[in-house]
Amino acid sequence: MRAVLTSRDWLKGFAAGISPYLAEGERIVGENLYARHSVAYDALPSYFLGFAWIVGDEVQSWDLMQSRFKELRIQPVPTLYRGPYRRSDAVA
């Protein structure tokens, strides 16, 4: 009988693969997309998509995060918009 890999199992394995490369106080924030809930994804680049890199208590810049994720082979969330935010541009 073949063992079933759960979302938790997959994420634990993923974390074990990057944990040795993280310095003290360094954290990666992202979304575990392994489990299927109300939305089914059929073309994910990874089951984990990162969206923040925190060192100590400071969230790192988007560019630094992208570089760090590249080193760790973490797929970042897609960039939907890059530029200044103006409230007048917001969708109501």
N, C-alpha and C. Protein backbone atom coordinates (compact mmCIF):
# COMPACT_ATOMS: atom_id res chain seq x y z
N MET A 1 0.84 -1.18 0.00
CA MET A 1 0.00 0.00 0.00
C MET A 1 0.88 1.25 0.00
N ARG A 2 0.55 2.19 -0.84
CA ARG A 2 1.33 3.42 -0.98
C ARG A 2 0.93 4.44 0.08
N ALA A 3 1.90 5.06 0.71
CA ALA A 3 1.63 6.07 1.74
C ALA A 3 1.10 7.34 1.09
N VAL A 4 0.17 7.97 1.76
CA VAL A 4 -0.41 9.22 1.28
C VAL A 4 0.35 10.37 1.91
N LEU A 5 0.83 11.27 1.07
CA LEU A 5 1.56 12.45 1.55
C LEU A 5 0.55 13.55 1.85
N THR A 6 0.52 13.99 3.11
CA THR A 6 -0.41 15.05 3.50
C THR A 6 0.24 16.41 3.29
N SER A 7 -0.58 17.43 3.37
CA SER A 7 -0.10 18.81 3.25
C SER A 7 0.97 19.09 4.31
N ARG A 8 0.70 18.64 5.51
CA ARG A 8 1.65 18.86 6.61
C ARG A 8 2.97 18.14 6.35
N ASP A 9 2.89 16.90 5.84
CA ASP A 9 4.10 16.14 5.51
C ASP A 9 4.92 16.87 4.45
N TRP A 10 4.24 17.35 3.41
CA TRP A 10 4.95 18.03 2.33
C TRP A 10 5.64 19.28 2.86
N LEU A 11 4.92 20.08 3.67
CA LEU A 11 5.48 21.33 4.19
C LEU A 11 6.64 21.06 5.15
N LYS A 12 6.54 20.02 5.96
CA LYS A 12 7.65 19.67 6.85
C LYS A 12 8.90 19.32 6.05
N GLY A 13 8.72 18.58 4.97
CA GLY A 13 9.85 18.24 4.12
C GLY A 13 10.45 19.47 3.45
N PHE A 14 9.59 20.36 2.99
CA PHE A 14 10.04 21.60 2.36
C PHE A 14 10.83 22.44 3.36
N ALA A 15 10.28 22.61 4.56
CA ALA A 15 10.94 23.40 5.60
C ALA A 15 12.29 22.78 6.00
N ALA A 16 12.33 21.47 6.07
CA ALA A 16 13.58 20.79 6.43
C ALA A 16 14.66 21.03 5.38
N GLY A 17 14.24 21.24 4.14
CA GLY A 17 15.20 21.49 3.07
C GLY A 17 15.81 22.88 3.09
N ILE A 18 15.08 23.87 3.64
CA ILE A 18 15.63 25.23 3.66
C ILE A 18 16.12 25.67 5.04
N SER A 19 15.62 25.04 6.09
CA SER A 19 15.99 25.44 7.46
C SER A 19 17.49 25.51 7.71
N PRO A 20 18.27 24.55 7.22
CA PRO A 20 19.71 24.61 7.48
C PRO A 20 20.40 25.84 6.87
N TYR A 21 19.75 26.48 5.92
CA TYR A 21 20.34 27.63 5.23
C TYR A 21 19.86 28.97 5.78
N LEU A 22 19.00 28.93 6.80
CA LEU A 22 18.50 30.16 7.41
C LEU A 22 19.33 30.52 8.62
N ALA A 23 19.67 31.79 8.72
CA ALA A 23 20.43 32.29 9.87
C ALA A 23 19.50 32.48 11.06
N GLU A 24 20.07 32.63 12.23
CA GLU A 24 19.31 32.91 13.44
C GLU A 24 18.47 34.18 13.22
N GLY A 25 17.19 34.12 13.51
CA GLY A 25 16.31 35.27 13.38
C GLY A 25 15.78 35.51 11.97
N GLU A 26 16.11 34.64 11.06
CA GLU A 26 15.66 34.78 9.67
C GLU A 26 14.42 33.91 9.46
N ARG A 27 13.36 34.50 8.90
CA ARG A 27 12.12 33.77 8.68
C ARG A 27 11.61 33.99 7.26
N ILE A 28 10.99 32.99 6.72
CA ILE A 28 10.35 33.05 5.41
C ILE A 28 8.85 32.96 5.64
N VAL A 29 8.10 33.81 4.98
CA VAL A 29 6.64 33.79 5.10
C VAL A 29 6.06 33.49 3.72
N GLY A 30 5.10 32.59 3.69
CA GLY A 30 4.49 32.24 2.42
C GLY A 30 3.23 31.45 2.62
N GLU A 31 2.73 30.92 1.54
CA GLU A 31 1.47 30.18 1.55
C GLU A 31 1.70 28.74 1.12
N ASN A 32 1.21 27.81 1.94
CA ASN A 32 1.25 26.39 1.61
C ASN A 32 0.04 26.09 0.74
N LEU A 33 0.26 25.73 -0.51
CA LEU A 33 -0.83 25.48 -1.45
C LEU A 33 -0.98 24.00 -1.81
N TYR A 34 -0.38 23.14 -0.99
CA TYR A 34 -0.43 21.70 -1.28
C TYR A 34 -1.85 21.15 -1.18
N ALA A 35 -2.54 21.51 -0.10
CA ALA A 35 -3.88 20.97 0.13
C ALA A 35 -4.90 21.65 -0.79
N ARG A 36 -5.83 20.87 -1.26
CA ARG A 36 -6.89 21.42 -2.10
C ARG A 36 -8.08 21.80 -1.21
N HIS A 37 -8.47 23.07 -1.32
CA HIS A 37 -9.62 23.56 -0.53
C HIS A 37 -10.72 23.96 -1.52
N SER A 38 -11.21 25.16 -1.39
CA SER A 38 -12.30 25.58 -2.28
C SER A 38 -11.81 25.96 -3.67
N VAL A 39 -10.54 26.28 -3.81
CA VAL A 39 -9.98 26.64 -5.11
C VAL A 39 -8.94 25.59 -5.49
N ALA A 40 -9.09 25.01 -6.66
CA ALA A 40 -8.12 24.02 -7.14
C ALA A 40 -7.17 24.71 -8.13
N TYR A 41 -5.88 24.57 -7.90
CA TYR A 41 -4.88 25.13 -8.79
C TYR A 41 -4.32 24.02 -9.66
N ASP A 42 -4.14 24.29 -10.93
CA ASP A 42 -3.64 23.24 -11.81
C ASP A 42 -2.31 23.58 -12.48
N ALA A 43 -1.75 24.75 -12.19
CA ALA A 43 -0.48 25.13 -12.83
C ALA A 43 0.44 25.87 -11.86
N LEU A 44 0.54 25.38 -10.64
CA LEU A 44 1.41 26.03 -9.65
C LEU A 44 2.88 25.76 -9.95
N PRO A 45 3.73 26.78 -9.79
CA PRO A 45 5.17 26.54 -9.96
C PRO A 45 5.75 25.80 -8.76
N SER A 46 5.05 25.84 -7.62
CA SER A 46 5.47 25.17 -6.40
C SER A 46 4.26 25.08 -5.48
N TYR A 47 4.30 24.15 -4.53
CA TYR A 47 3.24 24.08 -3.54
C TYR A 47 3.42 25.12 -2.44
N PHE A 48 4.57 25.79 -2.42
CA PHE A 48 4.81 26.87 -1.45
C PHE A 48 5.23 28.11 -2.23
N LEU A 49 4.50 29.20 -2.03
CA LEU A 49 4.84 30.47 -2.65
C LEU A 49 5.17 31.46 -1.55
N GLY A 50 6.39 32.00 -1.58
CA GLY A 50 6.84 32.93 -0.57
C GLY A 50 6.43 34.36 -0.88
N PHE A 51 6.17 35.14 0.17
CA PHE A 51 5.83 36.54 -0.05
C PHE A 51 6.51 37.50 0.92
N ALA A 52 7.34 37.01 1.82
CA ALA A 52 8.07 37.92 2.71
C ALA A 52 9.30 37.22 3.27
N TRP A 53 10.32 38.02 3.50
CA TRP A 53 11.56 37.57 4.15
C TRP A 53 11.79 38.50 5.32
N ILE A 54 11.85 37.95 6.51
CA ILE A 54 12.00 38.75 7.72
C ILE A 54 13.31 38.38 8.40
N VAL A 55 14.07 39.40 8.75
CA VAL A 55 15.31 39.22 9.49
C VAL A 55 15.16 40.00 10.78
N GLY A 56 15.21 39.29 11.91
CA GLY A 56 14.92 39.93 13.19
C GLY A 56 13.46 40.36 13.20
N ASP A 57 13.25 41.65 13.37
CA ASP A 57 11.89 42.20 13.34
C ASP A 57 11.63 43.04 12.10
N GLU A 58 12.50 42.94 11.11
CA GLU A 58 12.40 43.80 9.93
C GLU A 58 12.06 43.02 8.67
N VAL A 59 10.97 43.40 8.04
CA VAL A 59 10.60 42.82 6.76
C VAL A 59 11.54 43.42 5.71
N GLN A 60 12.17 42.56 4.95
CA GLN A 60 13.15 42.99 3.95
C GLN A 60 12.45 43.51 2.69
N SER A 61 13.17 44.30 1.93
CA SER A 61 12.61 44.87 0.70
C SER A 61 12.26 43.77 -0.29
N TRP A 62 11.40 44.11 -1.23
CA TRP A 62 10.98 43.15 -2.26
C TRP A 62 12.19 42.64 -3.05
N ASP A 63 13.10 43.54 -3.41
CA ASP A 63 14.27 43.14 -4.19
C ASP A 63 15.19 42.21 -3.40
N LEU A 64 15.43 42.53 -2.13
CA LEU A 64 16.25 41.66 -1.30
C LEU A 64 15.58 40.30 -1.10
N MET A 65 14.25 40.33 -0.91
CA MET A 65 13.51 39.09 -0.77
C MET A 65 13.64 38.22 -2.01
N GLN A 66 13.51 38.83 -3.18
CA GLN A 66 13.63 38.08 -4.43
C GLN A 66 15.00 37.41 -4.53
N SER A 67 16.05 38.14 -4.16
CA SER A 67 17.41 37.59 -4.21
C SER A 67 17.57 36.43 -3.24
N ARG A 68 17.06 36.61 -2.03
CA ARG A 68 17.18 35.55 -1.02
C ARG A 68 16.39 34.32 -1.42
N PHE A 69 15.21 34.53 -1.96
CA PHE A 69 14.40 33.40 -2.41
C PHE A 69 15.10 32.65 -3.54
N LYS A 70 15.77 33.37 -4.39
CA LYS A 70 16.50 32.72 -5.49
C LYS A 70 17.60 31.82 -4.91
N GLU A 71 18.32 32.32 -3.90
CA GLU A 71 19.37 31.52 -3.25
C GLU A 71 18.79 30.25 -2.62
N LEU A 72 17.62 30.39 -2.02
CA LEU A 72 17.00 29.27 -1.31
C LEU A 72 16.12 28.41 -2.21
N ARG A 73 15.98 28.82 -3.46
CA ARG A 73 15.11 28.12 -4.42
C ARG A 73 13.65 28.10 -3.96
N ILE A 74 13.21 29.25 -3.46
CA ILE A 74 11.81 29.44 -3.06
C ILE A 74 11.12 30.24 -4.16
N GLN A 75 9.99 29.76 -4.59
CA GLN A 75 9.23 30.44 -5.63
C GLN A 75 8.43 31.58 -4.98
N PRO A 76 8.65 32.83 -5.40
CA PRO A 76 7.86 33.93 -4.84
C PRO A 76 6.49 34.01 -5.50
N VAL A 77 5.58 34.68 -4.82
CA VAL A 77 4.29 34.95 -5.45
C VAL A 77 4.53 35.84 -6.66
N PRO A 78 3.66 35.78 -7.65
CA PRO A 78 3.84 36.64 -8.82
C PRO A 78 3.73 38.12 -8.45
N THR A 79 4.48 38.95 -9.13
CA THR A 79 4.38 40.39 -8.96
C THR A 79 3.26 40.88 -9.87
N LEU A 80 2.18 41.35 -9.28
CA LEU A 80 1.04 41.83 -10.04
C LEU A 80 1.18 43.31 -10.40
N TYR A 81 1.85 44.06 -9.54
CA TYR A 81 2.07 45.49 -9.78
C TYR A 81 3.31 45.90 -9.04
N ARG A 82 4.10 46.74 -9.66
CA ARG A 82 5.28 47.29 -9.00
C ARG A 82 5.33 48.77 -9.31
N GLY A 83 5.31 49.57 -8.30
CA GLY A 83 5.34 51.02 -8.48
C GLY A 83 4.70 51.70 -7.29
N PRO A 84 4.62 53.02 -7.35
CA PRO A 84 4.04 53.75 -6.22
C PRO A 84 2.54 53.47 -6.11
N TYR A 85 2.08 53.48 -4.89
CA TYR A 85 0.66 53.29 -4.64
C TYR A 85 0.04 54.64 -4.39
N ARG A 86 -1.03 54.90 -5.09
CA ARG A 86 -1.80 56.12 -4.86
C ARG A 86 -3.25 55.69 -4.62
N ARG A 87 -3.83 56.19 -3.56
CA ARG A 87 -5.18 55.81 -3.20
C ARG A 87 -6.14 56.00 -4.38
N SER A 88 -5.91 57.02 -5.19
CA SER A 88 -6.80 57.30 -6.33
C SER A 88 -6.74 56.17 -7.36
N ASP A 89 -5.66 55.36 -7.34
CA ASP A 89 -5.54 54.25 -8.28
C ASP A 89 -6.27 53.00 -7.80
N ALA A 90 -6.67 52.99 -6.54
CA ALA A 90 -7.29 51.80 -5.96
C ALA A 90 -8.64 51.53 -6.61
N VAL A 91 -8.92 50.25 -6.75
CA VAL A 91 -10.20 49.83 -7.30
C VAL A 91 -11.24 49.84 -6.18
N ALA A 92 -12.35 50.41 -6.44
CA ALA A 92 -13.41 50.51 -5.41
C ALA A 92 -14.13 49.20 -5.23
